[in-house]
Amino acid sequence: MNQEKDFLGKEPIGKLLLKLALPTVAAQIINMLYNIVDRIYIGHIPDVGAEALTGVGVCMPLIMIVTAFAAFVGYGGAPRASIFMGQDDHESAEKTMGNCFMVQIIISVLLTAALLLWNRDFLMAFGASPNTIEYGVAYMNIYAIGTIFVQLTLGMNAFITAQGFAKTGMLSVLIGAVANIILDPIFIFSFGMGVRGAALATIISQAMSCVWVLAFLFGKTTHLKIRKQNLLLQSKIILPSLALGLSTFIMQASESVISICFNASLLQYGGDIAVGAMTILTSVMQFAMLPLQGLGQGAQPIISYNYGARNPQRVKAAFQLLLKASLVYSTALWALVMLFPQMFAAMFTSSEPLLNFTKDALRIYMACLLLFGIQVACQMTFTSLGNAKASIVVAVMRKFVLLIPLIYILPLVFPGDKTTAVYLAEPVADFLAVTFTAILFTFQFKKALRSIQSDKE
């Protein structure tokens, strides 16, 4: 086996996870800036900041769908490419990447057309009001044009990280995020473009990241290269990748569905201010989700490679370290949110009514955040092991079986304050989902370790 690639099977787990996870966590934190920096600037636009923030917040379900499709292809194909590399099957790994690249281009064209044609209809259905709809439409008309850059940057960057090039993957995101931070105030304030300026800054930044990612994967440094002959779609290559990515797609796309359900209920019970607060709550939740996913992505090449190489001891050690690190982070962030909710809310708005409303809602919405490290660590490990079924089950359980019904049930159970009851759906669902996931993972992980142990013997 190529010694250059076998470092995933030989270096100490702690050193390896640190080496891979630091750049992927940094990349996700930087990616978080992509997602929230627009909202930070928009929320502070003089006179109309609160309404503009709510309008752009209603765009989030559509943006989540775009990124979910990138994850559908990239986060399904990348672990399979790592497993093939662990099996020393370089040809299948490259075919997987080439097929995923082609599918992402096809999806990008379809999504762009849909967003340009129907974004106003979508936004009205997703909780926009006559006061906020024009801000949302202005943002989405420009953002839609950059869909292909978002797809290829997020989706193909997973293949860079999966090969062990974590620093290169981090730079992919860093280039765009820094550009976005610089361009946002120029377009929003200096050029007076408002929300249109925020959208334009985002797609220019994503285009810069996209050029970097593709230059690397077509270049000489990469182990796996995008080649013309691998772009022809093969069902035996692409279908298993999409099956594995389906759980991540459900996990991210369901955020869109949930956002729609939250916005619709909150608009009914609390009006525009409650919807605006939800924009801030989901933004703060990304402080938890994205770094935790970064930890999981750092561990993914280690777990996938050693699973393919039939090394159960290293697979187990990598998961245990991932779980500990995830729990430490989620608990620390939970404590900060509980102690200083106003600090987080003030990042996104200078409107006193919205600020006061949001700081109380934050404590409710994120009450079970400390347990979320367990959920994400197990979910990411299921994907790393190629266990598509279990990964789909836990994603569906948390979002569709638990959270969406609770959004509508709890206001009926607590009729005194229906807006608070809607926010309460999140921690109740999180607690029940973590319990279910931990039990299922215990059985499935032991089964996976036994299977590669028996193969080895």
Foldseek 3Di string as FASTA:
>chain_A
DPPVQCCLVDPDLVVLLCLLLVLLLLLLVLVLLLVCVLLLVQQPDPPCSLLLSLLQLLCVLLVLLLLLVLLLLQLLLLLVLLLCVLLVNQVLSQLLLLQSLLVLVVVLVVSLVCQQPCVLVSSVLLQRDPSRSVSNNLLSNLLSVLSSLSSQLSRLLLNCSLSVNSNLSSVLSNQLSVQLNVQQCCQVPVVVNRSNSNNNSSSVSSNVSNVSSLCVQCDDPDSHHNDPVSNPDDCVNRVLSSLLSVLSSLLRSLVSVLSSLLSVQCCVQPNSLLSSLVSLLVSLVSVLPSSLVSSLSSLLSSLSSCLSNLNLVSNVVSLVVSLVVSLVVQQVSLVCLLVCVLVSLSSRHPDVVSSVVNSVLNCQLCVQSSLVSLVSSLLSSCSSNSVSVLNNVLSCQLRPVQQSVQLVVQCVVVVVRNSSSNSNSNNVSSVVSSVVSVVVSVVVSVVSSVVSNVVVD
